[in-house]
Amino acid sequence: MFNTNNLMKFGASAIAALLILLFANWAASSMYKVADDAGHGEHGDEEHETPRGYVIAAMDAEDHGDEPEDVVEVSFEEVYAAADAAAGEKEFKACKACHKLEDGANSTGPYLWGLVDRPMAAVADFGYSDALTALQGGSWTPDEIQKYIENPKDYAPGNKMTYKGMKDIEDRANLIAYLATIGG
């Protein structure tokens, strides 16, 4: 029953199984960040992470760092007036996963055909969240759209849109200029 040949096969099988487990552990550890025994590296510790690297400040001969640089605030209306609808079509790629441009073609989100200056929460056969239903009576003006897509969760807390927002004001203006050409 247990001759040398069977014993060798059993030993080789055990060693092969151990090697497979070790390689699987190594592969999983390299793909995912694993916490050490002290609890460092767990999810959520990003804000407590020790900064690494150096900050190198470039200074001009005239600039001695005494005066703060003037920040010029540009209004959305000025940026929107110079918006490029062709560039906005490229920005729409972030939206088309959930929205369609055809009239009446809802998806995860309501259709965006004729969105600019359309009443808020006005698509009849779309199930809006309570946060957006509360906005009924308003209108999706370019300024309201840009406030919404800058940070949807801050604009209407509790809405269902999972998009984190578009931070660049020029990108928002270009996108809205493009949407204004669709169905308007």
Protein backbone atom coordinates (compact mmCIF):
# COMPACT_ATOMS: atom_id res chain seq x y z
CA MET A 1 0.00 0.00 0.00
CA PHE A 2 2.65 2.57 1.02
CA ASN A 3 5.62 1.79 -1.10
CA THR A 4 8.38 4.23 -1.93
CA ASN A 5 6.77 5.28 -5.21
CA ASN A 6 3.45 6.23 -3.56
CA LEU A 7 5.26 8.03 -0.76
CA MET A 8 7.20 10.10 -3.32
CA LYS A 9 4.00 10.99 -5.17
CA PHE A 10 2.33 12.07 -1.91
CA GLY A 11 5.33 14.19 -0.90
CA ALA A 12 5.53 15.83 -4.34
CA SER A 13 1.80 16.60 -4.24
CA ALA A 14 2.11 18.22 -0.80
CA ILE A 15 5.08 20.34 -1.92
CA ALA A 16 3.26 21.37 -5.13
CA ALA A 17 0.19 22.40 -3.13
CA LEU A 18 2.36 24.44 -0.76
CA LEU A 19 4.10 26.17 -3.67
CA ILE A 20 0.75 27.00 -5.28
CA LEU A 21 -0.48 28.56 -2.02
CA LEU A 22 2.74 30.54 -1.60
CA PHE A 23 2.59 31.89 -5.18
CA ALA A 24 -1.10 32.76 -4.78
CA ASN A 25 -0.31 34.64 -1.56
CA TRP A 26 2.56 36.47 -3.24
CA ALA A 27 0.35 37.42 -6.23
CA ALA A 28 -2.48 38.64 -3.99
CA SER A 29 -0.08 40.66 -1.82
CA SER A 30 1.42 42.34 -4.85
CA MET A 31 -2.02 43.22 -6.29
CA TYR A 32 -3.55 44.53 -3.06
CA LYS A 33 -2.15 46.64 -0.26
CA VAL A 34 -2.02 44.47 2.85
CA ALA A 35 -1.93 45.93 6.37
CA ASP A 36 1.01 45.09 8.58
CA ASP A 37 0.70 43.83 12.17
CA ALA A 38 0.57 47.38 13.55
CA GLY A 39 -2.49 48.17 11.40
CA HIS A 40 -0.67 50.48 9.01
CA GLY A 41 -1.81 50.45 5.43
CA GLU A 42 -5.48 49.69 6.04
CA HIS A 43 -8.17 51.33 3.94
CA GLY A 44 -8.95 54.82 5.21
CA ASP A 45 -5.45 55.63 6.45
CA GLU A 46 -4.65 57.78 3.40
CA GLU A 47 -5.11 61.04 5.31
CA HIS A 48 -2.73 59.83 8.06
CA GLU A 49 -0.06 58.68 5.67
CA THR A 50 3.43 60.08 6.18
CA PRO A 51 4.28 62.47 3.37
CA ARG A 52 7.24 61.44 1.28
CA GLY A 53 9.30 63.52 -1.07
CA TYR A 54 10.49 67.07 -1.15
CA VAL A 55 8.84 70.34 -2.01
CA ILE A 56 11.02 72.49 -4.19
CA ALA A 57 9.89 76.07 -4.54
CA ALA A 58 11.15 77.92 -7.58
CA MET A 59 11.74 81.60 -6.97
CA ASP A 60 12.51 84.28 -9.50
CA ALA A 61 15.19 86.87 -8.86
CA GLU A 62 12.56 89.57 -8.30
CA ASP A 63 10.17 87.35 -6.35
CA HIS A 64 11.19 87.02 -2.73
CA GLY A 65 8.07 85.17 -1.64
CA ASP A 66 6.86 88.13 0.47
CA GLU A 67 3.83 88.94 -1.65
CA PRO A 68 1.08 86.43 -2.37
CA GLU A 69 0.34 85.99 -6.06
CA ASP A 70 -2.93 87.56 -7.19
CA VAL A 71 -5.55 84.99 -8.09
CA VAL A 72 -7.90 86.16 -10.79
CA GLU A 73 -11.45 84.87 -10.36
CA VAL A 74 -13.25 84.49 -13.66
CA SER A 75 -17.02 84.21 -13.62
CA PHE A 76 -18.73 81.24 -15.22
CA GLU A 77 -20.59 83.56 -17.59
CA GLU A 78 -17.29 84.81 -19.03
CA VAL A 79 -15.95 81.29 -19.44
CA TYR A 80 -19.24 80.08 -20.93
CA ALA A 81 -19.24 82.94 -23.46
CA ALA A 82 -15.91 81.64 -24.80
CA ALA A 83 -16.83 77.94 -24.54
CA ASP A 84 -16.02 75.47 -27.31
CA ALA A 85 -18.85 73.03 -28.11
CA ALA A 86 -16.47 70.72 -30.02
CA ALA A 87 -14.32 70.36 -26.91
CA GLY A 88 -17.52 69.77 -24.92
CA GLU A 89 -18.36 66.81 -27.14
CA LYS A 90 -15.16 65.17 -25.88
CA GLU A 91 -16.14 65.96 -22.28
CA PHE A 92 -19.49 64.22 -22.84
CA LYS A 93 -17.66 60.87 -22.84
CA ALA A 94 -17.82 60.97 -19.04
CA CYS A 95 -21.61 61.38 -19.20
CA LYS A 96 -22.58 58.88 -21.88
CA ALA A 97 -22.20 55.88 -19.61
CA CYS A 98 -25.44 56.94 -17.88
CA HIS A 99 -27.10 59.50 -20.19
CA LYS A 100 -28.28 59.48 -23.80
CA LEU A 101 -28.75 62.39 -26.17
CA GLU A 102 -31.82 61.04 -27.98
CA ASP A 103 -35.20 62.56 -27.12
CA GLY A 104 -37.05 60.28 -24.69
CA ALA A 105 -34.25 57.68 -24.43
CA ASN A 106 -33.66 57.35 -20.69
CA SER A 107 -30.88 55.19 -19.36
CA THR A 108 -29.48 55.05 -15.83
CA GLY A 109 -29.92 58.82 -15.90
CA PRO A 110 -32.49 60.91 -17.77
CA TYR A 111 -31.91 61.80 -21.42
CA LEU A 112 -30.01 65.04 -22.01
CA TRP A 113 -31.64 66.04 -25.31
CA GLY A 114 -32.83 69.64 -24.85
CA LEU A 115 -31.43 69.86 -21.32
CA VAL A 116 -30.28 73.48 -21.36
CA ASP A 117 -33.14 75.69 -20.07
CA ARG A 118 -35.39 72.65 -19.53
CA PRO A 119 -37.38 72.61 -16.26
CA MET A 120 -35.73 70.60 -13.49
CA ALA A 121 -36.96 67.02 -12.90
CA ALA A 122 -39.22 67.34 -15.96
CA VAL A 123 -38.66 64.03 -17.78
CA ALA A 124 -42.03 62.36 -17.28
CA ASP A 125 -41.05 58.69 -17.27
CA PHE A 126 -37.83 58.92 -15.23
CA GLY A 127 -37.68 58.12 -11.51
CA TYR A 128 -35.90 61.11 -9.98
CA SER A 129 -34.54 61.03 -6.44
CA ASP A 130 -36.33 63.07 -3.78
CA ALA A 131 -33.39 65.52 -3.81
CA LEU A 132 -33.97 66.38 -7.49
CA THR A 133 -37.75 66.24 -7.26
CA ALA A 134 -37.48 68.96 -4.60
CA LEU A 135 -35.88 71.21 -7.26
CA GLN A 136 -38.98 71.17 -9.49
CA GLY A 137 -39.99 74.66 -10.47
CA GLY A 138 -36.40 75.60 -11.27
CA SER A 139 -34.75 75.50 -14.66
CA TRP A 140 -31.52 73.92 -15.91
CA THR A 141 -29.84 77.15 -16.95
CA PRO A 142 -26.16 76.92 -17.92
CA ASP A 143 -25.21 78.30 -14.50
CA GLU A 144 -27.35 75.72 -12.64
CA ILE A 145 -26.00 72.87 -14.77
CA GLN A 146 -22.41 73.90 -14.08
CA LYS A 147 -23.07 74.08 -10.33
CA TYR A 148 -24.61 70.60 -10.47
CA ILE A 149 -21.87 68.90 -12.49
CA GLU A 150 -19.14 70.57 -10.44
CA ASN A 151 -20.23 68.49 -7.43
CA PRO A 152 -23.61 66.71 -7.71
CA LYS A 153 -23.63 65.57 -4.06
CA ASP A 154 -23.13 69.11 -2.75
CA TYR A 155 -25.66 70.63 -5.16
CA ALA A 156 -28.47 68.20 -4.32
CA PRO A 157 -27.55 66.08 -1.27
CA GLY A 158 -29.20 62.68 -1.52
CA ASN A 159 -29.42 62.52 -5.32
CA LYS A 160 -28.71 59.21 -7.07
CA MET A 161 -26.01 60.45 -9.45
CA THR A 162 -22.72 58.70 -8.64
CA TYR A 163 -20.52 61.05 -10.68
CA LYS A 164 -17.95 62.78 -8.45
CA GLY A 165 -17.96 66.02 -10.39
CA MET A 166 -16.05 67.98 -13.01
CA LYS A 167 -13.65 70.37 -11.32
CA ASP A 168 -12.38 72.40 -14.28
CA ILE A 169 -14.66 75.37 -15.04
CA GLU A 170 -13.61 75.43 -18.73
CA ASP A 171 -14.48 71.75 -19.15
CA ARG A 172 -17.91 72.39 -17.58
CA ALA A 173 -18.51 75.38 -19.86
CA ASN A 174 -17.48 73.40 -22.95
CA LEU A 175 -19.75 70.50 -21.99
CA ILE A 176 -22.73 72.79 -21.42
CA ALA A 177 -22.06 74.57 -24.73
CA TYR A 178 -22.16 71.16 -26.43
CA LEU A 179 -25.37 70.15 -24.63
CA ALA A 180 -26.95 73.46 -25.72
CA THR A 181 -26.51 72.35 -29.34
CA ILE A 182 -28.41 69.10 -28.71
CA GLY A 183 -32.15 69.51 -29.07
CA GLY A 184 -32.14 73.19 -28.27
